[in-house]
């Protein structure tokens, strides 16, 4: 694989990891606020989590386009880790949103 392509894939992977990690952190912070009854703060943190997750999804979409066009010829552990991080964060955000609804009741 061309060195420039490898660097681009690593950059995309790191963007996915960083943004999905931020989303997960914000989601768990929102849960902590909800547990204290601070639902306005929890909602703000959930919105921040969603924004970070959206940014991660945009990087992932770029990766998918590259793969579809045949630019990605080899998948690294880093790319697998990035995808795993994204999916875990998305699931955490969904579950935490539901948990906060339960705390509100």
PDB file of N, CA and C in Angstrom:
ATOM      1  N   UNK A   1       0.846  -1.175   0.000  1.00  0.00           N
ATOM      2  CA  UNK A   1       0.000   0.000   0.000  1.00  0.00           C
ATOM      3  C   UNK A   1       0.894   1.241   0.000  1.00  0.00           C
ATOM      4  N   UNK A   2       0.491   2.195  -0.765  1.00  0.00           N
ATOM      5  CA  UNK A   2       1.237   3.443  -0.875  1.00  0.00           C
ATOM      6  C   UNK A   2       1.322   4.131   0.495  1.00  0.00           C
ATOM      7  N   UNK A   3       2.480   4.725   0.781  1.00  0.00           N
ATOM      8  CA  UNK A   3       2.701   5.336   2.102  1.00  0.00           C
ATOM      9  C   UNK A   3       1.700   6.454   2.389  1.00  0.00           C
ATOM     10  N   UNK A   4       1.393   7.295   1.397  1.00  0.00           N
ATOM     11  CA  UNK A   4       0.418   8.377   1.594  1.00  0.00           C
ATOM     12  C   UNK A   4      -0.958   7.825   1.936  1.00  0.00           C
ATOM     13  N   UNK A   5      -1.328   6.724   1.274  1.00  0.00           N
ATOM     14  CA  UNK A   5      -2.631   6.109   1.544  1.00  0.00           C
ATOM     15  C   UNK A   5      -2.652   5.554   2.960  1.00  0.00           C
ATOM     16  N   UNK A   6      -1.578   4.935   3.388  1.00  0.00           N
ATOM     17  CA  UNK A   6      -1.493   4.384   4.743  1.00  0.00           C
ATOM     18  C   UNK A   6      -1.629   5.507   5.772  1.00  0.00           C
ATOM     19  N   UNK A   7      -0.957   6.616   5.521  1.00  0.00           N
ATOM     20  CA  UNK A   7      -1.046   7.759   6.435  1.00  0.00           C
ATOM     21  C   UNK A   7      -2.467   8.302   6.500  1.00  0.00           C
ATOM     22  N   UNK A   8      -3.130   8.381   5.347  1.00  0.00           N
ATOM     23  CA  UNK A   8      -4.508   8.877   5.312  1.00  0.00           C
ATOM     24  C   UNK A   8      -5.430   7.940   6.092  1.00  0.00           C
ATOM     25  N   UNK A   9      -5.250   6.636   5.920  1.00  0.00           N
ATOM     26  CA  UNK A   9      -6.077   5.677   6.651  1.00  0.00           C
ATOM     27  C   UNK A   9      -5.845   5.783   8.158  1.00  0.00           C
ATOM     28  N   UNK A  10      -4.590   5.962   8.544  1.00  0.00           N
ATOM     29  CA  UNK A  10      -4.276   6.116   9.969  1.00  0.00           C
ATOM     30  C   UNK A  10      -4.900   7.394  10.525  1.00  0.00           C
ATOM     31  N   UNK A  11      -4.860   8.460   9.747  1.00  0.00           N
ATOM     32  CA  UNK A  11      -5.458   9.726  10.173  1.00  0.00           C
ATOM     33  C   UNK A  11      -6.968   9.575  10.358  1.00  0.00           C
ATOM     34  N   UNK A  12      -7.616   8.915   9.413  1.00  0.00           N
ATOM     35  CA  UNK A  12      -9.066   8.697   9.519  1.00  0.00           C
ATOM     36  C   UNK A  12      -9.375   7.836  10.733  1.00  0.00           C
ATOM     37  N   UNK A  13      -8.595   6.783  10.932  1.00  0.00           N
ATOM     38  CA  UNK A  13      -8.812   5.907  12.085  1.00  0.00           C
ATOM     39  C   UNK A  13      -8.689   6.682  13.389  1.00  0.00           C
ATOM     40  N   UNK A  14      -7.685   7.537  13.478  1.00  0.00           N
ATOM     41  CA  UNK A  14      -7.486   8.311  14.701  1.00  0.00           C
ATOM     42  C   UNK A  14      -8.618   9.316  14.915  1.00  0.00           C
ATOM     43  N   UNK A  15      -9.150   9.879  13.847  1.00  0.00           N
ATOM     44  CA  UNK A  15     -10.295  10.792  13.967  1.00  0.00           C
ATOM     45  C   UNK A  15     -11.514  10.038  14.491  1.00  0.00           C
ATOM     46  N   UNK A  16     -11.724   8.834  13.983  1.00  0.00           N
ATOM     47  CA  UNK A  16     -12.847   8.019  14.447  1.00  0.00           C
ATOM     48  C   UNK A  16     -12.675   7.695  15.931  1.00  0.00           C
ATOM     49  N   UNK A  17     -11.479   7.262  16.307  1.00  0.00           N
ATOM     50  CA  UNK A  17     -11.210   6.887  17.695  1.00  0.00           C
ATOM     51  C   UNK A  17     -11.382   8.088  18.623  1.00  0.00           C
ATOM     52  N   UNK A  18     -10.800   9.212  18.253  1.00  0.00           N
ATOM     53  CA  UNK A  18     -10.863  10.402  19.115  1.00  0.00           C
ATOM     54  C   UNK A  18     -12.299  10.897  19.291  1.00  0.00           C
ATOM     55  N   UNK A  19     -13.027  10.995  18.207  1.00  0.00           N
ATOM     56  CA  UNK A  19     -14.383  11.540  18.289  1.00  0.00           C
ATOM     57  C   UNK A  19     -15.370  10.567  18.919  1.00  0.00           C
ATOM     58  N   UNK A  20     -15.228   9.290  18.627  1.00  0.00           N
ATOM     59  CA  UNK A  20     -16.132   8.338  19.269  1.00  0.00           C
ATOM     60  C   UNK A  20     -15.792   8.198  20.744  1.00  0.00           C
ATOM     61  N   UNK A  21     -14.520   8.319  21.090  1.00  0.00           N
ATOM     62  CA  UNK A  21     -14.131   8.303  22.495  1.00  0.00           C
ATOM     63  C   UNK A  21     -14.695   9.490  23.245  1.00  0.00           C
ATOM     64  N   UNK A  22     -14.665  10.653  22.618  1.00  0.00           N
ATOM     65  CA  UNK A  22     -15.244  11.855  23.240  1.00  0.00           C
ATOM     66  C   UNK A  22     -16.747  11.681  23.412  1.00  0.00           C
ATOM     67  N   UNK A  23     -17.400  11.106  22.414  1.00  0.00           N
ATOM     68  CA  UNK A  23     -18.843  10.869  22.503  1.00  0.00           C
ATOM     69  C   UNK A  23     -19.166   9.945  23.675  1.00  0.00           C
ATOM     70  N   UNK A  24     -18.398   8.895  23.826  1.00  0.00           N
ATOM     71  CA  UNK A  24     -18.616   7.944  24.916  1.00  0.00           C
ATOM     72  C   UNK A  24     -18.406   8.629  26.264  1.00  0.00           C
ATOM     73  N   UNK A  25     -17.349   9.409  26.387  1.00  0.00           N
ATOM     74  CA  UNK A  25     -17.077  10.121  27.641  1.00  0.00           C
ATOM     75  C   UNK A  25     -18.215  11.089  27.985  1.00  0.00           C
ATOM     76  N   UNK A  26     -18.676  11.840  26.994  1.00  0.00           N
ATOM     77  CA  UNK A  26     -19.769  12.785  27.230  1.00  0.00           C
ATOM     78  C   UNK A  26     -21.062  12.056  27.603  1.00  0.00           C
ATOM     79  N   UNK A  27     -21.313  10.918  26.976  1.00  0.00           N
ATOM     80  CA  UNK A  27     -22.519  10.145  27.288  1.00  0.00           C
ATOM     81  C   UNK A  27     -22.486   9.651  28.732  1.00  0.00           C
ATOM     82  N   UNK A  28     -21.344   9.138  29.168  1.00  0.00           N
ATOM     83  CA  UNK A  28     -21.246   8.673  30.548  1.00  0.00           C
ATOM     84  C   UNK A  28     -21.308   9.836  31.535  1.00  0.00           C
ATOM     85  N   UNK A  29     -20.777  10.978  31.159  1.00  0.00           N
ATOM     86  CA  UNK A  29     -20.892  12.171  32.010  1.00  0.00           C
ATOM     87  C   UNK A  29     -22.358  12.585  32.118  1.00  0.00           C
ATOM     88  N   UNK A  30     -23.085  12.477  31.013  1.00  0.00           N
ATOM     89  CA  UNK A  30     -24.517  12.786  31.024  1.00  0.00           C
ATOM     90  C   UNK A  30     -25.256  11.845  31.975  1.00  0.00           C
ATOM     91  N   UNK A  31     -24.903  10.596  31.962  1.00  0.00           N
ATOM     92  CA  UNK A  31     -25.527   9.630  32.861  1.00  0.00           C
ATOM     93  C   UNK A  31     -25.270  10.006  34.322  1.00  0.00           C
ATOM     94  N   UNK A  32     -24.049  10.419  34.617  1.00  0.00           N
ATOM     95  CA  UNK A  32     -23.727  10.828  35.985  1.00  0.00           C
ATOM     96  C   UNK A  32     -24.556  12.039  36.401  1.00  0.00           C
ATOM     97  N   UNK A  33     -24.740  12.975  35.498  1.00  0.00           N
ATOM     98  CA  UNK A  33     -25.567  14.148  35.807  1.00  0.00           C
ATOM     99  C   UNK A  33     -27.022  13.740  36.022  1.00  0.00           C
ATOM    100  N   UNK A  34     -27.515  12.838  35.207  1.00  0.00           N
ATOM    101  CA  UNK A  34     -28.896  12.377  35.360  1.00  0.00           C
ATOM    102  C   UNK A  34     -29.092  11.681  36.705  1.00  0.00           C
ATOM    103  N   UNK A  35     -28.104  10.932  37.127  1.00  0.00           N
ATOM    104  CA  UNK A  35     -28.189  10.239  38.422  1.00  0.00           C
ATOM    105  C   UNK A  35     -28.311  11.235  39.569  1.00  0.00           C
ATOM    106  N   UNK A  36     -27.757  12.430  39.385  1.00  0.00           N
ATOM    107  CA  UNK A  36     -27.848  13.483  40.398  1.00  0.00           C
ATOM    108  C   UNK A  36     -29.108  14.336  40.226  1.00  0.00           C
ATOM    109  N   UNK A  37     -29.887  14.031  39.168  1.00  0.00           N
ATOM    110  CA  UNK A  37     -31.100  14.803  38.912  1.00  0.00           C
ATOM    111  C   UNK A  37     -30.880  16.045  38.081  1.00  0.00           C
ATOM    112  N   UNK A  38     -29.679  16.225  37.541  1.00  0.00           N
ATOM    113  CA  UNK A  38     -29.356  17.392  36.712  1.00  0.00           C
ATOM    114  C   UNK A  38     -29.660  17.089  35.239  1.00  0.00           C
ATOM    115  N   UNK A  39     -30.937  17.072  34.902  1.00  0.00           N
ATOM    116  CA  UNK A  39     -31.338  16.626  33.570  1.00  0.00           C
ATOM    117  C   UNK A  39     -31.014  17.628  32.463  1.00  0.00           C
ATOM    118  N   UNK A  40     -30.987  18.920  32.795  1.00  0.00           N
ATOM    119  CA  UNK A  40     -30.599  19.911  31.778  1.00  0.00           C
ATOM    120  C   UNK A  40     -29.134  19.727  31.394  1.00  0.00           C
ATOM    121  N   UNK A  41     -28.281  19.542  32.397  1.00  0.00           N
ATOM    122  CA  UNK A  41     -26.860  19.307  32.123  1.00  0.00           C
ATOM    123  C   UNK A  41     -26.672  17.993  31.371  1.00  0.00           C
ATOM    124  N   UNK A  42     -27.452  16.999  31.759  1.00  0.00           N
ATOM    125  CA  UNK A  42     -27.366  15.702  31.079  1.00  0.00           C
ATOM    126  C   UNK A  42     -27.717  15.857  29.600  1.00  0.00           C
ATOM    127  N   UNK A  43     -28.747  16.628  29.322  1.00  0.00           N
ATOM    128  CA  UNK A  43     -29.166  16.821  27.928  1.00  0.00           C
ATOM    129  C   UNK A  43     -28.101  17.552  27.127  1.00  0.00           C
ATOM    130  N   UNK A  44     -27.464  18.552  27.733  1.00  0.00           N
ATOM    131  CA  UNK A  44     -26.384  19.269  27.051  1.00  0.00           C
ATOM    132  C   UNK A  44     -25.234  18.318  26.714  1.00  0.00           C
ATOM    133  N   UNK A  45     -24.890  17.471  27.667  1.00  0.00           N
ATOM    134  CA  UNK A  45     -23.810  16.506  27.435  1.00  0.00           C
ATOM    135  C   UNK A  45     -24.192  15.491  26.367  1.00  0.00           C
ATOM    136  N   UNK A  46     -25.449  15.076  26.349  1.00  0.00           N
ATOM    137  CA  UNK A  46     -25.897  14.154  25.299  1.00  0.00           C
ATOM    138  C   UNK A  46     -25.795  14.798  23.923  1.00  0.00           C
ATOM    139  N   UNK A  47     -26.120  16.078  23.836  1.00  0.00           N
ATOM    140  CA  UNK A  47     -26.003  16.783  22.553  1.00  0.00           C
ATOM    141  C   UNK A  47     -24.543  16.860  22.108  1.00  0.00           C
ATOM    142  N   UNK A  48     -23.646  17.124  23.061  1.00  0.00           N
ATOM    143  CA  UNK A  48     -22.220  17.140  22.738  1.00  0.00           C
ATOM    144  C   UNK A  48     -21.758  15.757  22.286  1.00  0.00           C
ATOM    145  N   UNK A  49     -22.259  14.728  22.956  1.00  0.00           N
ATOM    146  CA  UNK A  49     -21.916  13.359  22.577  1.00  0.00           C
ATOM    147  C   UNK A  49     -22.385  13.068  21.152  1.00  0.00           C
ATOM    148  N   UNK A  50     -23.588  13.489  20.843  1.00  0.00           N
ATOM    149  CA  UNK A  50     -24.127  13.269  19.497  1.00  0.00           C
ATOM    150  C   UNK A  50     -23.302  13.988  18.435  1.00  0.00           C
ATOM    151  N   UNK A  51     -22.860  15.196  18.743  1.00  0.00           N
ATOM    152  CA  UNK A  51     -22.036  15.951  17.788  1.00  0.00           C
ATOM    153  C   UNK A  51     -20.702  15.237  17.539  1.00  0.00           C
ATOM    154  N   UNK A  52     -20.087  14.768  18.607  1.00  0.00           N
ATOM    155  CA  UNK A  52     -18.819  14.041  18.451  1.00  0.00           C
ATOM    156  C   UNK A  52     -19.028  12.746  17.680  1.00  0.00           C
ATOM    157  N   UNK A  53     -20.117  12.054  17.983  1.00  0.00           N
ATOM    158  CA  UNK A  53     -20.395  10.803  17.276  1.00  0.00           C
ATOM    159  C   UNK A  53     -20.676  11.070  15.800  1.00  0.00           C
ATOM    160  N   UNK A  54     -21.356  12.176  15.500  1.00  0.00           N
ATOM    161  CA  UNK A  54     -21.613  12.543  14.110  1.00  0.00           C
ATOM    162  C   UNK A  54     -20.307  12.794  13.367  1.00  0.00           C
ATOM    163  N   UNK A  55     -19.375  13.474  14.017  1.00  0.00           N
ATOM    164  CA  UNK A  55     -18.068  13.722  13.410  1.00  0.00           C
ATOM    165  C   UNK A  55     -17.347  12.403  13.151  1.00  0.00           C
ATOM    166  N   UNK A  56     -17.426  11.482  14.108  1.00  0.00           N
ATOM    167  CA  UNK A  56     -16.814  10.163  13.922  1.00  0.00           C
ATOM    168  C   UNK A  56     -17.463   9.428  12.752  1.00  0.00           C
ATOM    169  N   UNK A  57     -18.793   9.529  12.649  1.00  0.00           N
ATOM    170  CA  UNK A  57     -19.499   8.880  11.540  1.00  0.00           C
ATOM    171  C   UNK A  57     -19.086   9.477  10.192  1.00  0.00           C
ATOM    172  N   UNK A  58     -18.843  10.777  10.152  1.00  0.00           N
ATOM    173  CA  UNK A  58     -18.406  11.412   8.906  1.00  0.00           C
ATOM    174  C   UNK A  58     -17.044  10.868   8.470  1.00  0.00           C
ATOM    175  N   UNK A  59     -16.141  10.688   9.420  1.00  0.00           N
ATOM    176  CA  UNK A  59     -14.839  10.086   9.101  1.00  0.00           C
ATOM    177  C   UNK A  59     -15.020   8.649   8.637  1.00  0.00           C
ATOM    178  N   UNK A  60     -15.924   7.943   9.290  1.00  0.00           N
ATOM    179  CA  UNK A  60     -16.187   6.552   8.911  1.00  0.00           C
ATOM    180  C   UNK A  60     -16.769   6.475   7.504  1.00  0.00           C
ATOM    181  N   UNK A  61     -17.649   7.412   7.188  1.00  0.00           N
ATOM    182  CA  UNK A  61     -18.238   7.458   5.841  1.00  0.00           C
ATOM    183  C   UNK A  61     -17.150   7.675   4.790  1.00  0.00           C
ATOM    184  N   UNK A  62     -16.184   8.534   5.107  1.00  0.00           N
ATOM    185  CA  UNK A  62     -15.059   8.761   4.195  1.00  0.00           C
ATOM    186  C   UNK A  62     -14.293   7.460   3.973  1.00  0.00           C
ATOM    187  N   UNK A  63     -14.071   6.736   5.050  1.00  0.00           N
ATOM    188  CA  UNK A  63     -13.390   5.446   4.963  1.00  0.00           C
ATOM    189  C   UNK A  63     -14.179   4.466   4.097  1.00  0.00           C
ATOM    190  N   UNK A  64     -15.481   4.426   4.263  1.00  0.00           N
ATOM    191  CA  UNK A  64     -16.323   3.528   3.466  1.00  0.00           C
ATOM    192  C   UNK A  64     -16.275   3.887   1.979  1.00  0.00           C
ATOM    193  N   UNK A  65     -16.272   5.177   1.675  1.00  0.00           N
ATOM    194  CA  UNK A  65     -16.162   5.611   0.278  1.00  0.00           C
ATOM    195  C   UNK A  65     -14.829   5.166  -0.328  1.00  0.00           C
ATOM    196  N   UNK A  66     -13.767   5.313   0.460  1.00  0.00           N
ATOM    197  CA  UNK A  66     -12.445   4.891  -0.024  1.00  0.00           C
ATOM    198  C   UNK A  66     -12.422   3.389  -0.271  1.00  0.00           C
ATOM    199  N   UNK A  67     -13.038   2.653   0.619  1.00  0.00           N
ATOM    200  CA  UNK A  67     -13.092   1.201   0.459  1.00  0.00           C
ATOM    201  C   UNK A  67     -13.903   0.818  -0.773  1.00  0.00           C
ATOM    202  N   UNK A  68     -15.033   1.479  -0.963  1.00  0.00           N
ATOM    203  CA  UNK A  68     -15.895   1.174  -2.111  1.00  0.00           C
ATOM    204  C   UNK A  68     -15.211   1.481  -3.438  1.00  0.00           C
ATOM    205  N   UNK A  69     -14.336   2.465  -3.436  1.00  0.00           N
ATOM    206  CA  UNK A  69     -13.640   2.824  -4.686  1.00  0.00           C
ATOM    207  C   UNK A  69     -12.366   1.999  -4.899  1.00  0.00           C
ATOM    208  N   UNK A  70     -12.094   1.083  -3.971  1.00  0.00           N
ATOM    209  CA  UNK A  70     -10.935   0.213  -4.126  1.00  0.00           C
ATOM    210  C   UNK A  70      -9.633   0.785  -3.600  1.00  0.00           C
ATOM    211  N   UNK A  71      -9.707   1.920  -2.908  1.00  0.00           N
ATOM    212  CA  UNK A  71      -8.491   2.542  -2.386  1.00  0.00           C
ATOM    213  C   UNK A  71      -7.943   1.803  -1.167  1.00  0.00           C
ATOM    214  N   UNK A  72      -8.802   1.138  -0.428  1.00  0.00           N
ATOM    215  CA  UNK A  72      -8.375   0.404   0.764  1.00  0.00           C
ATOM    216  C   UNK A  72      -8.120  -1.044   0.346  1.00  0.00           C
ATOM    217  N   UNK A  73      -6.858  -1.416   0.341  1.00  0.00           N
ATOM    218  CA  UNK A  73      -6.514  -2.769  -0.093  1.00  0.00           C
ATOM    219  C   UNK A  73      -6.133  -3.667   1.071  1.00  0.00           C
ATOM    220  N   UNK A  74      -5.889  -3.062   2.226  1.00  0.00           N
ATOM    221  CA  UNK A  74      -5.484  -3.820   3.393  1.00  0.00           C
ATOM    222  C   UNK A  74      -6.104  -3.181   4.630  1.00  0.00           C
ATOM    223  N   UNK A  75      -6.643  -4.001   5.508  1.00  0.00           N
ATOM    224  CA  UNK A  75      -7.251  -3.486   6.729  1.00  0.00           C
ATOM    225  C   UNK A  75      -6.292  -3.736   7.884  1.00  0.00           C
ATOM    226  N   UNK A  76      -6.026  -2.689   8.641  1.00  0.00           N
ATOM    227  CA  UNK A  76      -5.095  -2.794   9.770  1.00  0.00           C
ATOM    228  C   UNK A  76      -5.861  -3.014  11.069  1.00  0.00           C
ATOM    229  N   UNK A  77      -5.114  -3.407  12.081  1.00  0.00           N
ATOM    230  CA  UNK A  77      -5.697  -3.531  13.416  1.00  0.00           C
ATOM    231  C   UNK A  77      -6.206  -2.164  13.881  1.00  0.00           C
ATOM    232  N   UNK A  78      -5.511  -1.098  13.519  1.00  0.00           N
ATOM    233  CA  UNK A  78      -5.932   0.240  13.894  1.00  0.00           C
ATOM    234  C   UNK A  78      -7.309   0.561  13.316  1.00  0.00           C
ATOM    235  N   UNK A  79      -7.550   0.211  12.068  1.00  0.00           N
ATOM    236  CA  UNK A  79      -8.866   0.443  11.463  1.00  0.00           C
ATOM    237  C   UNK A  79      -9.935  -0.399  12.146  1.00  0.00           C
ATOM    238  N   UNK A  80      -9.604  -1.622  12.487  1.00  0.00           N
ATOM    239  CA  UNK A  80     -10.552  -2.481  13.205  1.00  0.00           C
ATOM    240  C   UNK A  80     -10.874  -1.884  14.566  1.00  0.00           C
ATOM    241  N   UNK A  81      -9.847  -1.396  15.240  1.00  0.00           N
ATOM    242  CA  UNK A  81     -10.033  -0.769  16.550  1.00  0.00           C
ATOM    243  C   UNK A  81     -10.929   0.467  16.425  1.00  0.00           C
ATOM    244  N   UNK A  82     -10.699   1.256  15.409  1.00  0.00           N
ATOM    245  CA  UNK A  82     -11.504   2.465  15.201  1.00  0.00           C
ATOM    246  C   UNK A  82     -12.968   2.103  14.990  1.00  0.00           C
ATOM    247  N   UNK A  83     -13.213   1.108  14.172  1.00  0.00           N
ATOM    248  CA  UNK A  83     -14.589   0.705  13.911  1.00  0.00           C
ATOM    249  C   UNK A  83     -15.243   0.153  15.175  1.00  0.00           C
ATOM    250  N   UNK A  84     -14.500  -0.630  15.928  1.00  0.00           N
ATOM    251  CA  UNK A  84     -15.005  -1.172  17.180  1.00  0.00           C
ATOM    252  C   UNK A  84     -15.335  -0.047  18.157  1.00  0.00           C
ATOM    253  N   UNK A  85     -14.460   0.926  18.242  1.00  0.00           N
ATOM    254  CA  UNK A  85     -14.657   2.080  19.117  1.00  0.00           C
ATOM    255  C   UNK A  85     -15.932   2.827  18.728  1.00  0.00           C
ATOM    256  N   UNK A  86     -16.127   3.030  17.446  1.00  0.00           N
ATOM    257  CA  UNK A  86     -17.303   3.741  16.947  1.00  0.00           C
ATOM    258  C   UNK A  86     -18.582   2.999  17.303  1.00  0.00           C
ATOM    259  N   UNK A  87     -18.611   1.721  17.056  1.00  0.00           N
ATOM    260  CA  UNK A  87     -19.824   0.945  17.324  1.00  0.00           C
ATOM    261  C   UNK A  87     -20.114   0.873  18.830  1.00  0.00           C
ATOM    262  N   UNK A  88     -19.067   0.719  19.637  1.00  0.00           N
ATOM    263  CA  UNK A  88     -19.262   0.683  21.085  1.00  0.00           C
ATOM    264  C   UNK A  88     -19.791   2.000  21.616  1.00  0.00           C
ATOM    265  N   UNK A  89     -19.269   3.081  21.102  1.00  0.00           N
ATOM    266  CA  UNK A  89     -19.721   4.403  21.538  1.00  0.00           C
ATOM    267  C   UNK A  89     -21.157   4.668  21.104  1.00  0.00           C
ATOM    268  N   UNK A  90     -21.507   4.268  19.911  1.00  0.00           N
ATOM    269  CA  UNK A  90     -22.880   4.450  19.424  1.00  0.00           C
ATOM    270  C   UNK A  90     -23.858   3.670  20.299  1.00  0.00           C
ATOM    271  N   UNK A  91     -23.500   2.447  20.631  1.00  0.00           N
ATOM    272  CA  UNK A  91     -24.354   1.631  21.491  1.00  0.00           C
ATOM    273  C   UNK A  91     -24.458   2.238  22.882  1.00  0.00           C
ATOM    274  N   UNK A  92     -23.329   2.681  23.444  1.00  0.00           N
ATOM    275  CA  UNK A  92     -23.345   3.291  24.771  1.00  0.00           C
ATOM    276  C   UNK A  92     -24.261   4.510  24.783  1.00  0.00           C
ATOM    277  N   UNK A  93     -24.175   5.329  23.759  1.00  0.00           N
ATOM    278  CA  UNK A  93     -25.004   6.530  23.707  1.00  0.00           C
ATOM    279  C   UNK A  93     -26.485   6.167  23.665  1.00  0.00           C
ATOM    280  N   UNK A  94     -26.838   5.194  22.860  1.00  0.00           N
ATOM    281  CA  UNK A  94     -28.238   4.760  22.786  1.00  0.00           C
ATOM    282  C   UNK A  94     -28.740   4.237  24.134  1.00  0.00           C
ATOM    283  N   UNK A  95     -27.950   3.384  24.757  1.00  0.00           N
ATOM    284  CA  UNK A  95     -28.357   2.813  26.042  1.00  0.00           C
ATOM    285  C   UNK A  95     -28.416   3.866  27.140  1.00  0.00           C
ATOM    286  N   UNK A  96     -27.456   4.767  27.160  1.00  0.00           N
ATOM    287  CA  UNK A  96     -27.437   5.809  28.181  1.00  0.00           C
ATOM    288  C   UNK A  96     -28.623   6.742  28.019  1.00  0.00           C
ATOM    289  N   UNK A  97     -28.982   7.044  26.786  1.00  0.00           N
ATOM    290  CA  UNK A  97     -30.168   7.880  26.557  1.00  0.00           C
ATOM    291  C   UNK A  97     -31.400   7.218  27.178  1.00  0.00           C
ATOM    292  N   UNK A  98     -31.543   5.915  27.000  1.00  0.00           N
ATOM    293  CA  UNK A  98     -32.679   5.186  27.578  1.00  0.00           C
ATOM    294  C   UNK A  98     -32.606   5.168  29.104  1.00  0.00           C
ATOM    295  N   UNK A  99     -31.414   5.019  29.638  1.00  0.00           N
ATOM    296  CA  UNK A  99     -31.259   5.016  31.093  1.00  0.00           C
ATOM    297  C   UNK A  99     -31.644   6.361  31.689  1.00  0.00           C
ATOM    298  N   UNK A 100     -31.305   7.430  30.998  1.00  0.00           N
ATOM    299  CA  UNK A 100     -31.651   8.764  31.493  1.00  0.00           C
ATOM    300  C   UNK A 100     -33.158   8.947  31.510  1.00  0.00           C
ATOM    301  N   UNK A 101     -33.840   8.421  30.519  1.00  0.00           N
ATOM    302  CA  UNK A 101     -35.308   8.471  30.510  1.00  0.00           C
ATOM    303  C   UNK A 101     -35.860   7.766  31.756  1.00  0.00           C
ATOM    304  N   UNK A 102     -35.261   6.642  32.102  1.00  0.00           N
ATOM    305  CA  UNK A 102     -35.698   5.926  33.304  1.00  0.00           C
ATOM    306  C   UNK A 102     -35.459   6.744  34.562  1.00  0.00           C
ATOM    307  N   UNK A 103     -34.311   7.425  34.638  1.00  0.00           N
ATOM    308  CA  UNK A 103     -34.032   8.278  35.794  1.00  0.00           C
ATOM    309  C   UNK A 103     -35.047   9.416  35.886  1.00  0.00           C
ATOM    310  N   UNK A 104     -35.501   9.913  34.745  1.00  0.00           N
ATOM    311  CA  UNK A 104     -36.459  11.011  34.753  1.00  0.00           C
ATOM    312  C   UNK A 104     -37.811  10.559  35.295  1.00  0.00           C
ATOM    313  N   UNK A 105     -38.130   9.299  35.118  1.00  0.00           N
ATOM    314  CA  UNK A 105     -39.404   8.773  35.603  1.00  0.00           C
ATOM    315  C   UNK A 105     -39.300   8.497  37.088  1.00  0.00           C
TER     316      UNK A 105
END
